[in-house]
Amino acid sequence: MKLLKSGVFLFSTILVFVFHLSFLRELPFFLDQFNLILVFLLLVLFFGSFGLAVNFAFSFGFLFDIYSFHFFGFYLFSYVLLVIFANYLLKNFFTNQSFYSLLGLTVFASVIFSFLNFIFYFGEVFVLDNYFKLSFSFFLFLFIEIFYNTLFSCLSFGIIKIFKKYFSI
């Protein structure tokens, strides 16, 4: 049974990662701002457990670090810290499993993740002596990412609630 759970975990991690990189990142302008990994982690945290969300965050961060040109640990720290912050918000502020809790958690998590990436990226650029500034486009893309993430979270919330109701999962 443990081998089956590990297989499902590995398969779902690779499936979501490959779908995110191969399909979602290649969509036309503004549609590519949707962050499937972030929404997936929030849904696992919201409907699952903190430990499982941390395991997924670690796995996604490791895969993204292998794939990206940033320093190793860039995405690993971002995703793990995102899950820790989101769990803090979920336990202390969004205590019930309602639609509005997921909506608020998605908005705050999108902002936290974008600013964590900004801080890590700024640190990386500062070390390399390159020029980088916070511009209007950062906030525009953040707003678009929040919109798509909350839209997908809302749709996923309804689908998961229906499955939980009819299949008593």
C-alpha atoms as a PDB file:
ATOM      1  CA  MET A   1       0.000   0.000   0.000  1.00  0.00           C
ATOM      2  CA  LYS A   2       2.846   2.352   0.817  1.00  0.00           C
ATOM      3  CA  LEU A   3       4.414   1.615  -2.560  1.00  0.00           C
ATOM      4  CA  LEU A   4       1.130   2.483  -4.276  1.00  0.00           C
ATOM      5  CA  LYS A   5       0.914   5.815  -2.418  1.00  0.00           C
ATOM      6  CA  SER A   6       4.511   6.612  -3.345  1.00  0.00           C
ATOM      7  CA  GLY A   7       3.796   5.743  -6.971  1.00  0.00           C
ATOM      8  CA  VAL A   8       0.697   7.950  -7.072  1.00  0.00           C
ATOM      9  CA  PHE A   9       2.657  10.777  -5.413  1.00  0.00           C
ATOM     10  CA  LEU A  10       5.505  10.497  -7.924  1.00  0.00           C
ATOM     11  CA  PHE A  11       3.165  10.176 -10.912  1.00  0.00           C
ATOM     12  CA  SER A  12       1.023  13.164  -9.892  1.00  0.00           C
ATOM     13  CA  THR A  13       4.111  15.295  -9.193  1.00  0.00           C
ATOM     14  CA  ILE A  14       5.630  14.592 -12.589  1.00  0.00           C
ATOM     15  CA  LEU A  15       2.278  14.924 -14.377  1.00  0.00           C
ATOM     16  CA  VAL A  16       1.501  18.347 -12.891  1.00  0.00           C
ATOM     17  CA  PHE A  17       5.093  19.535 -13.418  1.00  0.00           C
ATOM     18  CA  VAL A  18       5.205  18.463 -17.069  1.00  0.00           C
ATOM     19  CA  PHE A  19       1.737  19.867 -17.799  1.00  0.00           C
ATOM     20  CA  HIS A  20       2.705  23.168 -16.198  1.00  0.00           C
ATOM     21  CA  LEU A  21       5.919  23.509 -18.192  1.00  0.00           C
ATOM     22  CA  SER A  22       4.909  22.016 -21.499  1.00  0.00           C
ATOM     23  CA  PHE A  23       1.415  23.421 -21.893  1.00  0.00           C
ATOM     24  CA  LEU A  24       0.661  26.315 -19.571  1.00  0.00           C
ATOM     25  CA  ARG A  25       3.937  28.188 -20.057  1.00  0.00           C
ATOM     26  CA  GLU A  26       3.484  28.071 -23.836  1.00  0.00           C
ATOM     27  CA  LEU A  27       0.057  29.720 -23.912  1.00  0.00           C
ATOM     28  CA  PRO A  28      -0.324  33.151 -25.512  1.00  0.00           C
ATOM     29  CA  PHE A  29       0.445  36.371 -23.699  1.00  0.00           C
ATOM     30  CA  PHE A  30      -1.317  36.863 -20.322  1.00  0.00           C
ATOM     31  CA  LEU A  31      -2.669  33.314 -20.332  1.00  0.00           C
ATOM     32  CA  ASP A  32       0.742  31.962 -19.398  1.00  0.00           C
ATOM     33  CA  GLN A  33       0.613  33.724 -16.017  1.00  0.00           C
ATOM     34  CA  PHE A  34      -1.470  30.955 -14.433  1.00  0.00           C
ATOM     35  CA  ASN A  35       0.576  29.102 -11.792  1.00  0.00           C
ATOM     36  CA  LEU A  36      -0.750  25.550 -11.647  1.00  0.00           C
ATOM     37  CA  ILE A  37       1.862  24.455  -9.126  1.00  0.00           C
ATOM     38  CA  LEU A  38       0.824  27.142  -6.648  1.00  0.00           C
ATOM     39  CA  VAL A  39      -2.867  26.296  -6.963  1.00  0.00           C
ATOM     40  CA  PHE A  40      -2.132  22.566  -6.709  1.00  0.00           C
ATOM     41  CA  LEU A  41      -0.124  23.107  -3.517  1.00  0.00           C
ATOM     42  CA  LEU A  42      -2.896  25.241  -2.029  1.00  0.00           C
ATOM     43  CA  LEU A  43      -5.552  22.649  -2.867  1.00  0.00           C
ATOM     44  CA  VAL A  44      -3.441  19.889  -1.311  1.00  0.00           C
ATOM     45  CA  LEU A  45      -2.951  22.038   1.787  1.00  0.00           C
ATOM     46  CA  PHE A  46      -6.614  23.053   1.916  1.00  0.00           C
ATOM     47  CA  PHE A  47      -8.156  19.614   1.388  1.00  0.00           C
ATOM     48  CA  GLY A  48      -5.242  17.391   2.397  1.00  0.00           C
ATOM     49  CA  SER A  49      -2.557  17.834   5.004  1.00  0.00           C
ATOM     50  CA  PHE A  50       0.388  20.074   5.737  1.00  0.00           C
ATOM     51  CA  GLY A  51       2.872  17.206   5.487  1.00  0.00           C
ATOM     52  CA  LEU A  52       1.662  16.171   2.057  1.00  0.00           C
ATOM     53  CA  ALA A  53       1.764  19.785   0.841  1.00  0.00           C
ATOM     54  CA  VAL A  54       5.349  20.167   2.081  1.00  0.00           C
ATOM     55  CA  ASN A  55       6.328  16.938   0.306  1.00  0.00           C
ATOM     56  CA  PHE A  56       4.788  18.199  -2.931  1.00  0.00           C
ATOM     57  CA  ALA A  57       6.435  21.620  -2.457  1.00  0.00           C
ATOM     58  CA  PHE A  58       9.811  19.994  -1.938  1.00  0.00           C
ATOM     59  CA  SER A  59       9.337  17.781  -5.006  1.00  0.00           C
ATOM     60  CA  PHE A  60       8.171  20.631  -7.249  1.00  0.00           C
ATOM     61  CA  GLY A  61      10.932  22.890  -5.989  1.00  0.00           C
ATOM     62  CA  PHE A  62      13.552  20.246  -6.687  1.00  0.00           C
ATOM     63  CA  LEU A  63      12.225  19.630 -10.208  1.00  0.00           C
ATOM     64  CA  PHE A  64      12.056  23.349 -10.979  1.00  0.00           C
ATOM     65  CA  ASP A  65      15.566  23.882  -9.622  1.00  0.00           C
ATOM     66  CA  ILE A  66      16.900  21.197 -11.925  1.00  0.00           C
ATOM     67  CA  TYR A  67      15.056  22.788 -14.836  1.00  0.00           C
ATOM     68  CA  SER A  68      15.809  26.478 -14.185  1.00  0.00           C
ATOM     69  CA  PHE A  69      18.939  28.594 -14.503  1.00  0.00           C
ATOM     70  CA  HIS A  70      18.566  30.192 -11.068  1.00  0.00           C
ATOM     71  CA  PHE A  71      20.710  29.134  -8.143  1.00  0.00           C
ATOM     72  CA  PHE A  72      19.855  25.709  -6.775  1.00  0.00           C
ATOM     73  CA  GLY A  73      17.258  26.109  -4.059  1.00  0.00           C
ATOM     74  CA  PHE A  74      15.535  29.125  -5.609  1.00  0.00           C
ATOM     75  CA  TYR A  75      12.240  27.330  -6.215  1.00  0.00           C
ATOM     76  CA  LEU A  76      12.745  24.834  -3.409  1.00  0.00           C
ATOM     77  CA  PHE A  77      12.824  27.611  -0.817  1.00  0.00           C
ATOM     78  CA  SER A  78      10.047  29.518  -2.558  1.00  0.00           C
ATOM     79  CA  TYR A  79       7.591  26.632  -2.620  1.00  0.00           C
ATOM     80  CA  VAL A  80       8.383  25.335   0.872  1.00  0.00           C
ATOM     81  CA  LEU A  81       8.154  28.830   2.395  1.00  0.00           C
ATOM     82  CA  LEU A  82       4.927  29.389   0.460  1.00  0.00           C
ATOM     83  CA  VAL A  83       3.376  26.269   2.002  1.00  0.00           C
ATOM     84  CA  ILE A  84       4.559  27.286   5.477  1.00  0.00           C
ATOM     85  CA  PHE A  85       3.100  30.799   5.119  1.00  0.00           C
ATOM     86  CA  ALA A  86      -0.113  29.455   3.578  1.00  0.00           C
ATOM     87  CA  ASN A  87      -0.490  26.938   6.404  1.00  0.00           C
ATOM     88  CA  TYR A  88      -0.031  29.738   8.936  1.00  0.00           C
ATOM     89  CA  LEU A  89      -2.742  31.776   7.196  1.00  0.00           C
ATOM     90  CA  LEU A  90      -5.002  28.730   6.923  1.00  0.00           C
ATOM     91  CA  LYS A  91      -4.684  27.806  10.601  1.00  0.00           C
ATOM     92  CA  ASN A  92      -4.895  31.311  12.069  1.00  0.00           C
ATOM     93  CA  PHE A  93      -7.082  33.362   9.722  1.00  0.00           C
ATOM     94  CA  PHE A  94      -8.971  31.092   7.295  1.00  0.00           C
ATOM     95  CA  THR A  95     -10.088  28.491   9.813  1.00  0.00           C
ATOM     96  CA  ASN A  96     -13.057  26.973   7.988  1.00  0.00           C
ATOM     97  CA  GLN A  97     -13.033  25.173   4.647  1.00  0.00           C
ATOM     98  CA  SER A  98     -15.270  27.605   2.841  1.00  0.00           C
ATOM     99  CA  PHE A  99     -15.155  29.004  -0.648  1.00  0.00           C
ATOM    100  CA  TYR A 100     -14.097  32.427   0.613  1.00  0.00           C
ATOM    101  CA  SER A 101     -11.286  30.928   2.685  1.00  0.00           C
ATOM    102  CA  LEU A 102      -9.804  29.316  -0.404  1.00  0.00           C
ATOM    103  CA  LEU A 103     -10.287  32.523  -2.369  1.00  0.00           C
ATOM    104  CA  GLY A 104      -8.489  34.615   0.253  1.00  0.00           C
ATOM    105  CA  LEU A 105      -5.778  32.020   0.711  1.00  0.00           C
ATOM    106  CA  THR A 106      -5.137  31.959  -3.044  1.00  0.00           C
ATOM    107  CA  VAL A 107      -4.840  35.739  -3.252  1.00  0.00           C
ATOM    108  CA  PHE A 108      -2.468  35.975  -0.291  1.00  0.00           C
ATOM    109  CA  ALA A 109      -0.422  32.970  -1.419  1.00  0.00           C
ATOM    110  CA  SER A 110      -0.039  34.389  -4.934  1.00  0.00           C
ATOM    111  CA  VAL A 111       1.230  37.678  -3.512  1.00  0.00           C
ATOM    112  CA  ILE A 112       3.553  35.906  -1.059  1.00  0.00           C
ATOM    113  CA  PHE A 113       4.952  33.638  -3.773  1.00  0.00           C
ATOM    114  CA  SER A 114       5.564  36.523  -6.165  1.00  0.00           C
ATOM    115  CA  PHE A 115       7.332  38.574  -3.520  1.00  0.00           C
ATOM    116  CA  LEU A 116       9.413  35.576  -2.380  1.00  0.00           C
ATOM    117  CA  ASN A 117      10.516  35.058  -5.956  1.00  0.00           C
ATOM    118  CA  PHE A 118      11.206  38.787  -6.261  1.00  0.00           C
ATOM    119  CA  ILE A 119      13.350  38.763  -3.117  1.00  0.00           C
ATOM    120  CA  PHE A 120      15.301  35.665  -4.189  1.00  0.00           C
ATOM    121  CA  TYR A 121      15.706  37.005  -7.706  1.00  0.00           C
ATOM    122  CA  PHE A 122      16.796  40.409  -6.434  1.00  0.00           C
ATOM    123  CA  GLY A 123      19.371  38.715  -4.213  1.00  0.00           C
ATOM    124  CA  GLU A 124      20.639  36.686  -7.144  1.00  0.00           C
ATOM    125  CA  VAL A 125      20.853  39.750  -9.400  1.00  0.00           C
ATOM    126  CA  PHE A 126      22.485  41.814  -6.639  1.00  0.00           C
ATOM    127  CA  VAL A 127      25.223  39.201  -6.259  1.00  0.00           C
ATOM    128  CA  LEU A 128      25.809  39.179 -10.022  1.00  0.00           C
ATOM    129  CA  ASP A 129      25.890  43.022 -10.200  1.00  0.00           C
ATOM    130  CA  ASN A 130      23.093  43.313 -12.748  1.00  0.00           C
ATOM    131  CA  TYR A 131      20.485  46.040 -12.885  1.00  0.00           C
ATOM    132  CA  PHE A 132      17.013  45.138 -11.714  1.00  0.00           C
ATOM    133  CA  LYS A 133      14.079  47.241 -10.628  1.00  0.00           C
ATOM    134  CA  LEU A 134      10.519  46.749  -9.520  1.00  0.00           C
ATOM    135  CA  SER A 135       8.372  48.024 -12.371  1.00  0.00           C
ATOM    136  CA  PHE A 136       4.748  48.424 -13.281  1.00  0.00           C
ATOM    137  CA  SER A 137       4.825  45.185 -15.298  1.00  0.00           C
ATOM    138  CA  PHE A 138       5.590  43.222 -12.104  1.00  0.00           C
ATOM    139  CA  PHE A 139       2.341  44.404 -10.542  1.00  0.00           C
ATOM    140  CA  LEU A 140       0.405  43.917 -13.775  1.00  0.00           C
ATOM    141  CA  PHE A 141       1.550  40.315 -14.089  1.00  0.00           C
ATOM    142  CA  LEU A 142       0.908  39.782 -10.372  1.00  0.00           C
ATOM    143  CA  PHE A 143      -2.678  40.966 -10.813  1.00  0.00           C
ATOM    144  CA  ILE A 144      -3.165  38.691 -13.835  1.00  0.00           C
ATOM    145  CA  GLU A 145      -1.652  35.742 -11.954  1.00  0.00           C
ATOM    146  CA  ILE A 146      -3.956  36.370  -8.992  1.00  0.00           C
ATOM    147  CA  PHE A 147      -6.955  36.504 -11.324  1.00  0.00           C
ATOM    148  CA  TYR A 148      -6.171  33.200 -13.055  1.00  0.00           C
ATOM    149  CA  ASN A 149      -5.141  31.441  -9.851  1.00  0.00           C
ATOM    150  CA  THR A 150      -8.323  32.436  -8.040  1.00  0.00           C
ATOM    151  CA  LEU A 151     -10.455  31.508 -11.041  1.00  0.00           C
ATOM    152  CA  PHE A 152      -8.942  28.029 -11.221  1.00  0.00           C
ATOM    153  CA  SER A 153      -9.110  27.644  -7.423  1.00  0.00           C
ATOM    154  CA  CYS A 154     -12.816  28.492  -7.478  1.00  0.00           C
ATOM    155  CA  LEU A 155     -13.507  25.956 -10.223  1.00  0.00           C
ATOM    156  CA  SER A 156     -11.424  23.313  -8.471  1.00  0.00           C
ATOM    157  CA  PHE A 157     -13.163  23.982  -5.164  1.00  0.00           C
ATOM    158  CA  GLY A 158     -16.559  23.263  -6.694  1.00  0.00           C
ATOM    159  CA  ILE A 159     -15.368  20.111  -8.435  1.00  0.00           C
ATOM    160  CA  ILE A 160     -13.634  18.769  -5.326  1.00  0.00           C
ATOM    161  CA  LYS A 161     -16.682  19.474  -3.153  1.00  0.00           C
ATOM    162  CA  ILE A 162     -18.909  17.569  -5.604  1.00  0.00           C
ATOM    163  CA  PHE A 163     -16.530  14.608  -5.648  1.00  0.00           C
ATOM    164  CA  LYS A 164     -16.275  14.622  -1.859  1.00  0.00           C
ATOM    165  CA  LYS A 165     -20.065  14.737  -1.569  1.00  0.00           C
ATOM    166  CA  TYR A 166     -20.929  11.980  -4.038  1.00  0.00           C
ATOM    167  CA  PHE A 167     -17.953   9.703  -3.561  1.00  0.00           C
ATOM    168  CA  SER A 168     -17.367  10.431   0.147  1.00  0.00           C
ATOM    169  CA  ILE A 169     -13.625  10.746  -0.331  1.00  0.00           C
END
